[in-house]
């Protein structure tokens, strides 16, 4: 019950709302999110996929709710500047 209340509180927070609305997160925001999961003792895994010219970099966050249930979120990071962008 303790675990469920912490997880439901986090899922209703600002950072998860950004993820559910398919908004881009900064790396700083993702680090804050991982810190919240760690502080609340919620087990998770993360994987990074580097960006290309076509697709921005993304992270996959897998939250382990219980032994049979996981929540998998794909988070797009904010895109960097283009390889061909003009210099200022």
PDB file of N, CA and C in Angstrom:
ATOM      1  N   UNK A   1       0.824  -1.190   0.000  1.00  0.00           N
ATOM      2  CA  UNK A   1       0.000   0.000   0.000  1.00  0.00           C
ATOM      3  C   UNK A   1       0.872   1.259   0.000  1.00  0.00           C
ATOM      4  N   UNK A   2       1.957   1.251   0.807  1.00  0.00           N
ATOM      5  CA  UNK A   2       2.873   2.399   0.875  1.00  0.00           C
ATOM      6  C   UNK A   2       3.465   2.700  -0.499  1.00  0.00           C
ATOM      7  N   UNK A   3       3.914   1.640  -1.187  1.00  0.00           N
ATOM      8  CA  UNK A   3       4.503   1.781  -2.510  1.00  0.00           C
ATOM      9  C   UNK A   3       3.494   2.371  -3.494  1.00  0.00           C
ATOM     10  N   UNK A   4       2.266   1.867  -3.469  1.00  0.00           N
ATOM     11  CA  UNK A   4       1.228   2.329  -4.392  1.00  0.00           C
ATOM     12  C   UNK A   4       0.927   3.809  -4.220  1.00  0.00           C
ATOM     13  N   UNK A   5       0.889   4.292  -2.979  1.00  0.00           N
ATOM     14  CA  UNK A   5       0.584   5.708  -2.759  1.00  0.00           C
ATOM     15  C   UNK A   5       1.705   6.598  -3.270  1.00  0.00           C
ATOM     16  N   UNK A   6       2.947   6.174  -3.109  1.00  0.00           N
ATOM     17  CA  UNK A   6       4.066   6.964  -3.627  1.00  0.00           C
ATOM     18  C   UNK A   6       4.059   6.982  -5.151  1.00  0.00           C
ATOM     19  N   UNK A   7       3.820   5.836  -5.763  1.00  0.00           N
ATOM     20  CA  UNK A   7       3.811   5.762  -7.220  1.00  0.00           C
ATOM     21  C   UNK A   7       2.660   6.574  -7.800  1.00  0.00           C
ATOM     22  N   UNK A   8       1.478   6.468  -7.222  1.00  0.00           N
ATOM     23  CA  UNK A   8       0.346   7.236  -7.748  1.00  0.00           C
ATOM     24  C   UNK A   8       0.571   8.734  -7.571  1.00  0.00           C
ATOM     25  N   UNK A   9       1.220   9.135  -6.491  1.00  0.00           N
ATOM     26  CA  UNK A   9       1.556  10.541  -6.303  1.00  0.00           C
ATOM     27  C   UNK A   9       2.534  11.032  -7.352  1.00  0.00           C
ATOM     28  N   UNK A  10       3.542  10.213  -7.666  1.00  0.00           N
ATOM     29  CA  UNK A  10       4.520  10.589  -8.692  1.00  0.00           C
ATOM     30  C   UNK A  10       3.873  10.653 -10.074  1.00  0.00           C
ATOM     31  N   UNK A  11       3.005   9.685 -10.372  1.00  0.00           N
ATOM     32  CA  UNK A  11       2.374   9.649 -11.699  1.00  0.00           C
ATOM     33  C   UNK A  11       1.472  10.851 -11.947  1.00  0.00           C
ATOM     34  N   UNK A  12       0.987  11.474 -10.895  1.00  0.00           N
ATOM     35  CA  UNK A  12       0.133  12.654 -11.067  1.00  0.00           C
ATOM     36  C   UNK A  12       0.933  13.946 -11.025  1.00  0.00           C
ATOM     37  N   UNK A  13       2.249  13.849 -10.892  1.00  0.00           N
ATOM     38  CA  UNK A  13       3.103  15.033 -10.822  1.00  0.00           C
ATOM     39  C   UNK A  13       3.376  15.656 -12.181  1.00  0.00           C
ATOM     40  N   UNK A  14       4.008  16.804 -12.151  1.00  0.00           N
ATOM     41  CA  UNK A  14       4.278  17.609 -13.345  1.00  0.00           C
ATOM     42  C   UNK A  14       5.121  16.873 -14.387  1.00  0.00           C
ATOM     43  N   UNK A  15       6.186  16.190 -13.952  1.00  0.00           N
ATOM     44  CA  UNK A  15       7.065  15.531 -14.919  1.00  0.00           C
ATOM     45  C   UNK A  15       6.352  14.395 -15.643  1.00  0.00           C
ATOM     46  N   UNK A  16       5.578  13.603 -14.929  1.00  0.00           N
ATOM     47  CA  UNK A  16       4.849  12.528 -15.592  1.00  0.00           C
ATOM     48  C   UNK A  16       3.762  13.081 -16.491  1.00  0.00           C
ATOM     49  N   UNK A  17       3.163  14.198 -16.115  1.00  0.00           N
ATOM     50  CA  UNK A  17       2.160  14.816 -16.988  1.00  0.00           C
ATOM     51  C   UNK A  17       2.798  15.231 -18.309  1.00  0.00           C
ATOM     52  N   UNK A  18       4.039  15.747 -18.250  1.00  0.00           N
ATOM     53  CA  UNK A  18       4.747  16.096 -19.491  1.00  0.00           C
ATOM     54  C   UNK A  18       4.968  14.859 -20.351  1.00  0.00           C
ATOM     55  N   UNK A  19       5.331  13.746 -19.716  1.00  0.00           N
ATOM     56  CA  UNK A  19       5.564  12.506 -20.455  1.00  0.00           C
ATOM     57  C   UNK A  19       4.265  12.011 -21.085  1.00  0.00           C
ATOM     58  N   UNK A  20       3.177  12.004 -20.304  1.00  0.00           N
ATOM     59  CA  UNK A  20       1.899  11.516 -20.812  1.00  0.00           C
ATOM     60  C   UNK A  20       1.345  12.410 -21.919  1.00  0.00           C
ATOM     61  N   UNK A  21       1.713  13.693 -21.922  1.00  0.00           N
ATOM     62  CA  UNK A  21       1.288  14.619 -22.973  1.00  0.00           C
ATOM     63  C   UNK A  21       2.246  14.614 -24.155  1.00  0.00           C
ATOM     64  N   UNK A  22       3.209  13.695 -24.134  1.00  0.00           N
ATOM     65  CA  UNK A  22       4.193  13.543 -25.203  1.00  0.00           C
ATOM     66  C   UNK A  22       5.010  14.814 -25.420  1.00  0.00           C
ATOM     67  N   UNK A  23       5.305  15.511 -24.324  1.00  0.00           N
ATOM     68  CA  UNK A  23       6.155  16.693 -24.394  1.00  0.00           C
ATOM     69  C   UNK A  23       7.602  16.263 -24.192  1.00  0.00           C
ATOM     70  N   UNK A  24       8.516  17.022 -24.750  1.00  0.00           N
ATOM     71  CA  UNK A  24       9.925  16.696 -24.611  1.00  0.00           C
ATOM     72  C   UNK A  24      10.422  17.080 -23.226  1.00  0.00           C
ATOM     73  N   UNK A  25      11.334  16.267 -22.697  1.00  0.00           N
ATOM     74  CA  UNK A  25      11.960  16.526 -21.412  1.00  0.00           C
ATOM     75  C   UNK A  25      13.415  16.885 -21.620  1.00  0.00           C
ATOM     76  N   UNK A  26      13.934  17.711 -20.757  1.00  0.00           N
ATOM     77  CA  UNK A  26      15.366  17.972 -20.767  1.00  0.00           C
ATOM     78  C   UNK A  26      16.048  16.857 -19.982  1.00  0.00           C
ATOM     79  N   UNK A  27      17.334  16.746 -20.147  1.00  0.00           N
ATOM     80  CA  UNK A  27      18.092  15.754 -19.402  1.00  0.00           C
ATOM     81  C   UNK A  27      18.020  16.051 -17.905  1.00  0.00           C
ATOM     82  N   UNK A  28      18.019  17.314 -17.535  1.00  0.00           N
ATOM     83  CA  UNK A  28      17.886  17.712 -16.133  1.00  0.00           C
ATOM     84  C   UNK A  28      16.564  17.191 -15.552  1.00  0.00           C
ATOM     85  N   UNK A  29      15.468  17.348 -16.287  1.00  0.00           N
ATOM     86  CA  UNK A  29      14.163  16.881 -15.806  1.00  0.00           C
ATOM     87  C   UNK A  29      14.154  15.361 -15.646  1.00  0.00           C
ATOM     88  N   UNK A  30      14.808  14.661 -16.567  1.00  0.00           N
ATOM     89  CA  UNK A  30      14.871  13.199 -16.463  1.00  0.00           C
ATOM     90  C   UNK A  30      15.667  12.788 -15.232  1.00  0.00           C
ATOM     91  N   UNK A  31      16.753  13.500 -14.962  1.00  0.00           N
ATOM     92  CA  UNK A  31      17.545  13.202 -13.764  1.00  0.00           C
ATOM     93  C   UNK A  31      16.733  13.457 -12.496  1.00  0.00           C
ATOM     94  N   UNK A  32      15.928  14.504 -12.490  1.00  0.00           N
ATOM     95  CA  UNK A  32      15.040  14.766 -11.353  1.00  0.00           C
ATOM     96  C   UNK A  32      14.057  13.614 -11.190  1.00  0.00           C
ATOM     97  N   UNK A  33      13.498  13.150 -12.300  1.00  0.00           N
ATOM     98  CA  UNK A  33      12.555  12.037 -12.274  1.00  0.00           C
ATOM     99  C   UNK A  33      13.201  10.782 -11.688  1.00  0.00           C
ATOM    100  N   UNK A  34      14.421  10.470 -12.103  1.00  0.00           N
ATOM    101  CA  UNK A  34      15.123   9.309 -11.552  1.00  0.00           C
ATOM    102  C   UNK A  34      15.382   9.498 -10.060  1.00  0.00           C
ATOM    103  N   UNK A  35      15.731  10.720  -9.658  1.00  0.00           N
ATOM    104  CA  UNK A  35      15.937  10.994  -8.240  1.00  0.00           C
ATOM    105  C   UNK A  35      14.676  10.771  -7.424  1.00  0.00           C
ATOM    106  N   UNK A  36      13.533  11.175  -7.970  1.00  0.00           N
ATOM    107  CA  UNK A  36      12.258  10.953  -7.272  1.00  0.00           C
ATOM    108  C   UNK A  36      11.966   9.463  -7.118  1.00  0.00           C
ATOM    109  N   UNK A  37      12.235   8.692  -8.165  1.00  0.00           N
ATOM    110  CA  UNK A  37      12.013   7.246  -8.094  1.00  0.00           C
ATOM    111  C   UNK A  37      12.934   6.611  -7.058  1.00  0.00           C
ATOM    112  N   UNK A  38      14.189   7.034  -7.036  1.00  0.00           N
ATOM    113  CA  UNK A  38      15.151   6.495  -6.073  1.00  0.00           C
ATOM    114  C   UNK A  38      14.758   6.879  -4.648  1.00  0.00           C
ATOM    115  N   UNK A  39      14.415   8.154  -4.438  1.00  0.00           N
ATOM    116  CA  UNK A  39      14.037   8.605  -3.093  1.00  0.00           C
ATOM    117  C   UNK A  39      12.807   7.897  -2.560  1.00  0.00           C
ATOM    118  N   UNK A  40      11.913   7.476  -3.456  1.00  0.00           N
ATOM    119  CA  UNK A  40      10.696   6.770  -3.046  1.00  0.00           C
ATOM    120  C   UNK A  40      10.846   5.252  -3.121  1.00  0.00           C
ATOM    121  N   UNK A  41      12.083   4.793  -3.361  1.00  0.00           N
ATOM    122  CA  UNK A  41      12.407   3.364  -3.393  1.00  0.00           C
ATOM    123  C   UNK A  41      11.535   2.596  -4.393  1.00  0.00           C
ATOM    124  N   UNK A  42      11.362   3.180  -5.569  1.00  0.00           N
ATOM    125  CA  UNK A  42      10.579   2.551  -6.632  1.00  0.00           C
ATOM    126  C   UNK A  42      11.557   1.977  -7.650  1.00  0.00           C
ATOM    127  N   UNK A  43      11.545   0.662  -7.880  1.00  0.00           N
ATOM    128  CA  UNK A  43      12.511   0.050  -8.799  1.00  0.00           C
ATOM    129  C   UNK A  43      12.222   0.422 -10.257  1.00  0.00           C
ATOM    130  N   UNK A  44      13.291   0.683 -11.005  1.00  0.00           N
ATOM    131  CA  UNK A  44      13.156   1.054 -12.408  1.00  0.00           C
ATOM    132  C   UNK A  44      14.413   0.687 -13.177  1.00  0.00           C
ATOM    133  N   UNK A  45      14.275   0.613 -14.495  1.00  0.00           N
ATOM    134  CA  UNK A  45      15.395   0.444 -15.424  1.00  0.00           C
ATOM    135  C   UNK A  45      15.299   1.567 -16.442  1.00  0.00           C
ATOM    136  N   UNK A  46      16.439   1.913 -17.023  1.00  0.00           N
ATOM    137  CA  UNK A  46      16.431   2.949 -18.048  1.00  0.00           C
ATOM    138  C   UNK A  46      17.369   2.552 -19.181  1.00  0.00           C
ATOM    139  N   UNK A  47      17.026   2.970 -20.388  1.00  0.00           N
ATOM    140  CA  UNK A  47      17.853   2.711 -21.566  1.00  0.00           C
ATOM    141  C   UNK A  47      17.877   3.975 -22.419  1.00  0.00           C
ATOM    142  N   UNK A  48      19.008   4.235 -23.066  1.00  0.00           N
ATOM    143  CA  UNK A  48      19.189   5.435 -23.886  1.00  0.00           C
ATOM    144  C   UNK A  48      19.355   5.041 -25.345  1.00  0.00           C
ATOM    145  N   UNK A  49      18.674   5.771 -26.244  1.00  0.00           N
ATOM    146  CA  UNK A  49      18.835   5.595 -27.691  1.00  0.00           C
ATOM    147  C   UNK A  49      19.297   6.938 -28.238  1.00  0.00           C
ATOM    148  N   UNK A  50      20.484   6.951 -28.845  1.00  0.00           N
ATOM    149  CA  UNK A  50      21.026   8.219 -29.332  1.00  0.00           C
ATOM    150  C   UNK A  50      20.218   8.756 -30.507  1.00  0.00           C
ATOM    151  N   UNK A  51      20.238  10.052 -30.656  1.00  0.00           N
ATOM    152  CA  UNK A  51      19.485  10.703 -31.715  1.00  0.00           C
ATOM    153  C   UNK A  51      20.187  10.610 -33.062  1.00  0.00           C
ATOM    154  N   UNK A  52      19.408  10.803 -34.096  1.00  0.00           N
ATOM    155  CA  UNK A  52      19.923  10.849 -35.462  1.00  0.00           C
ATOM    156  C   UNK A  52      19.420  12.132 -36.102  1.00  0.00           C
ATOM    157  N   UNK A  53      19.743  12.340 -37.342  1.00  0.00           N
ATOM    158  CA  UNK A  53      19.218  13.513 -38.041  1.00  0.00           C
ATOM    159  C   UNK A  53      17.704  13.438 -38.171  1.00  0.00           C
ATOM    160  N   UNK A  54      17.187  12.231 -38.192  1.00  0.00           N
ATOM    161  CA  UNK A  54      15.746  12.034 -38.384  1.00  0.00           C
ATOM    162  C   UNK A  54      14.981  11.969 -37.062  1.00  0.00           C
ATOM    163  N   UNK A  55      15.557  11.350 -36.052  1.00  0.00           N
ATOM    164  CA  UNK A  55      14.866  11.133 -34.782  1.00  0.00           C
ATOM    165  C   UNK A  55      15.656  11.713 -33.618  1.00  0.00           C
ATOM    166  N   UNK A  56      14.974  12.366 -32.687  1.00  0.00           N
ATOM    167  CA  UNK A  56      15.670  12.889 -31.516  1.00  0.00           C
ATOM    168  C   UNK A  56      16.065  11.757 -30.569  1.00  0.00           C
ATOM    169  N   UNK A  57      16.999  12.054 -29.695  1.00  0.00           N
ATOM    170  CA  UNK A  57      17.411  11.076 -28.689  1.00  0.00           C
ATOM    171  C   UNK A  57      16.224  10.760 -27.779  1.00  0.00           C
ATOM    172  N   UNK A  58      16.192   9.527 -27.279  1.00  0.00           N
ATOM    173  CA  UNK A  58      15.093   9.147 -26.394  1.00  0.00           C
ATOM    174  C   UNK A  58      15.596   8.240 -25.280  1.00  0.00           C
ATOM    175  N   UNK A  59      14.802   8.166 -24.248  1.00  0.00           N
ATOM    176  CA  UNK A  59      15.077   7.299 -23.109  1.00  0.00           C
ATOM    177  C   UNK A  59      13.873   6.393 -22.906  1.00  0.00           C
ATOM    178  N   UNK A  60      14.136   5.167 -22.529  1.00  0.00           N
ATOM    179  CA  UNK A  60      13.051   4.260 -22.167  1.00  0.00           C
ATOM    180  C   UNK A  60      13.144   4.035 -20.670  1.00  0.00           C
ATOM    181  N   UNK A  61      12.075   4.345 -19.980  1.00  0.00           N
ATOM    182  CA  UNK A  61      11.995   4.188 -18.533  1.00  0.00           C
ATOM    183  C   UNK A  61      11.018   3.059 -18.236  1.00  0.00           C
ATOM    184  N   UNK A  62      11.491   2.023 -17.564  1.00  0.00           N
ATOM    185  CA  UNK A  62      10.651   0.894 -17.179  1.00  0.00           C
ATOM    186  C   UNK A  62      10.516   0.902 -15.668  1.00  0.00           C
ATOM    187  N   UNK A  63       9.295   1.122 -15.184  1.00  0.00           N
ATOM    188  CA  UNK A  63       9.026   1.149 -13.748  1.00  0.00           C
ATOM    189  C   UNK A  63       8.384  -0.180 -13.378  1.00  0.00           C
ATOM    190  N   UNK A  64       8.965  -0.838 -12.381  1.00  0.00           N
ATOM    191  CA  UNK A  64       8.475  -2.146 -11.943  1.00  0.00           C
ATOM    192  C   UNK A  64       7.470  -1.942 -10.809  1.00  0.00           C
ATOM    193  N   UNK A  65       6.191  -2.088 -11.139  1.00  0.00           N
ATOM    194  CA  UNK A  65       5.122  -1.870 -10.167  1.00  0.00           C
ATOM    195  C   UNK A  65       5.032  -3.050  -9.206  1.00  0.00           C
ATOM    196  N   UNK A  66       5.038  -4.251  -9.730  1.00  0.00           N
ATOM    197  CA  UNK A  66       5.079  -5.479  -8.936  1.00  0.00           C
ATOM    198  C   UNK A  66       5.700  -6.555  -9.829  1.00  0.00           C
ATOM    199  N   UNK A  67       5.853  -7.779  -9.340  1.00  0.00           N
ATOM    200  CA  UNK A  67       6.533  -8.798 -10.164  1.00  0.00           C
ATOM    201  C   UNK A  67       5.883  -9.078 -11.520  1.00  0.00           C
ATOM    202  N   UNK A  68       4.614  -8.772 -11.695  1.00  0.00           N
ATOM    203  CA  UNK A  68       3.952  -9.082 -12.962  1.00  0.00           C
ATOM    204  C   UNK A  68       3.536  -7.842 -13.749  1.00  0.00           C
ATOM    205  N   UNK A  69       3.763  -6.651 -13.217  1.00  0.00           N
ATOM    206  CA  UNK A  69       3.314  -5.422 -13.875  1.00  0.00           C
ATOM    207  C   UNK A  69       4.451  -4.428 -13.992  1.00  0.00           C
ATOM    208  N   UNK A  70       4.670  -3.939 -15.207  1.00  0.00           N
ATOM    209  CA  UNK A  70       5.655  -2.885 -15.437  1.00  0.00           C
ATOM    210  C   UNK A  70       5.002  -1.768 -16.230  1.00  0.00           C
ATOM    211  N   UNK A  71       5.523  -0.577 -16.048  1.00  0.00           N
ATOM    212  CA  UNK A  71       5.079   0.592 -16.788  1.00  0.00           C
ATOM    213  C   UNK A  71       6.265   1.028 -17.643  1.00  0.00           C
ATOM    214  N   UNK A  72       6.118   0.977 -18.967  1.00  0.00           N
ATOM    215  CA  UNK A  72       7.201   1.322 -19.884  1.00  0.00           C
ATOM    216  C   UNK A  72       6.862   2.650 -20.561  1.00  0.00           C
ATOM    217  N   UNK A  73       7.764   3.625 -20.411  1.00  0.00           N
ATOM    218  CA  UNK A  73       7.573   4.955 -20.990  1.00  0.00           C
ATOM    219  C   UNK A  73       8.746   5.281 -21.897  1.00  0.00           C
ATOM    220  N   UNK A  74       8.455   5.764 -23.097  1.00  0.00           N
ATOM    221  CA  UNK A  74       9.501   6.241 -24.007  1.00  0.00           C
ATOM    222  C   UNK A  74       9.462   7.757 -23.961  1.00  0.00           C
ATOM    223  N   UNK A  75      10.584   8.350 -23.601  1.00  0.00           N
ATOM    224  CA  UNK A  75      10.668   9.790 -23.377  1.00  0.00           C
ATOM    225  C   UNK A  75      11.603  10.396 -24.407  1.00  0.00           C
ATOM    226  N   UNK A  76      11.103  11.348 -25.164  1.00  0.00           N
ATOM    227  CA  UNK A  76      11.916  12.043 -26.161  1.00  0.00           C
ATOM    228  C   UNK A  76      12.624  13.205 -25.492  1.00  0.00           C
ATOM    229  N   UNK A  77      13.940  13.270 -25.682  1.00  0.00           N
ATOM    230  CA  UNK A  77      14.703  14.389 -25.142  1.00  0.00           C
ATOM    231  C   UNK A  77      14.628  15.558 -26.098  1.00  0.00           C
ATOM    232  N   UNK A  78      14.865  16.752 -25.599  1.00  0.00           N
ATOM    233  CA  UNK A  78      14.820  17.907 -26.477  1.00  0.00           C
ATOM    234  C   UNK A  78      15.895  17.772 -27.543  1.00  0.00           C
ATOM    235  N   UNK A  79      15.589  18.108 -28.792  1.00  0.00           N
ATOM    236  CA  UNK A  79      16.566  17.937 -29.869  1.00  0.00           C
ATOM    237  C   UNK A  79      17.687  18.960 -29.769  1.00  0.00           C
ATOM    238  N   UNK A  80      18.849  18.542 -30.200  1.00  0.00           N
ATOM    239  CA  UNK A  80      19.974  19.462 -30.265  1.00  0.00           C
ATOM    240  C   UNK A  80      19.940  20.224 -31.561  1.00  0.00           C
ATOM    241  N   UNK A  81      20.944  21.031 -31.779  1.00  0.00           N
ATOM    242  CA  UNK A  81      20.969  21.797 -33.027  1.00  0.00           C
ATOM    243  C   UNK A  81      21.321  20.880 -34.191  1.00  0.00           C
ATOM    244  N   UNK A  82      20.893  21.262 -35.348  1.00  0.00           N
ATOM    245  CA  UNK A  82      21.139  20.477 -36.554  1.00  0.00           C
ATOM    246  C   UNK A  82      22.634  20.479 -36.885  1.00  0.00           C
ATOM    247  N   UNK A  83      23.071  19.430 -37.534  1.00  0.00           N
ATOM    248  CA  UNK A  83      24.465  19.357 -37.976  1.00  0.00           C
ATOM    249  C   UNK A  83      24.789  20.481 -38.935  1.00  0.00           C
ATOM    250  N   UNK A  84      23.817  20.883 -39.736  1.00  0.00           N
ATOM    251  CA  UNK A  84      24.031  21.898 -40.764  1.00  0.00           C
ATOM    252  C   UNK A  84      23.534  23.281 -40.373  1.00  0.00           C
ATOM    253  N   UNK A  85      23.305  23.517 -39.072  1.00  0.00           N
ATOM    254  CA  UNK A  85      22.793  24.824 -38.677  1.00  0.00           C
ATOM    255  C   UNK A  85      23.876  25.893 -38.867  1.00  0.00           C
ATOM    256  N   UNK A  86      23.486  27.079 -39.294  1.00  0.00           N
ATOM    257  CA  UNK A  86      24.480  28.121 -39.500  1.00  0.00           C
ATOM    258  C   UNK A  86      25.041  28.614 -38.177  1.00  0.00           C
ATOM    259  N   UNK A  87      26.279  29.004 -38.180  1.00  0.00           N
ATOM    260  CA  UNK A  87      26.878  29.541 -36.950  1.00  0.00           C
ATOM    261  C   UNK A  87      26.449  31.003 -36.766  1.00  0.00           C
ATOM    262  N   UNK A  88      26.323  31.451 -35.520  1.00  0.00           N
ATOM    263  CA  UNK A  88      25.838  32.813 -35.267  1.00  0.00           C
ATOM    264  C   UNK A  88      26.785  33.887 -35.757  1.00  0.00           C
TER     265      UNK A  88
END
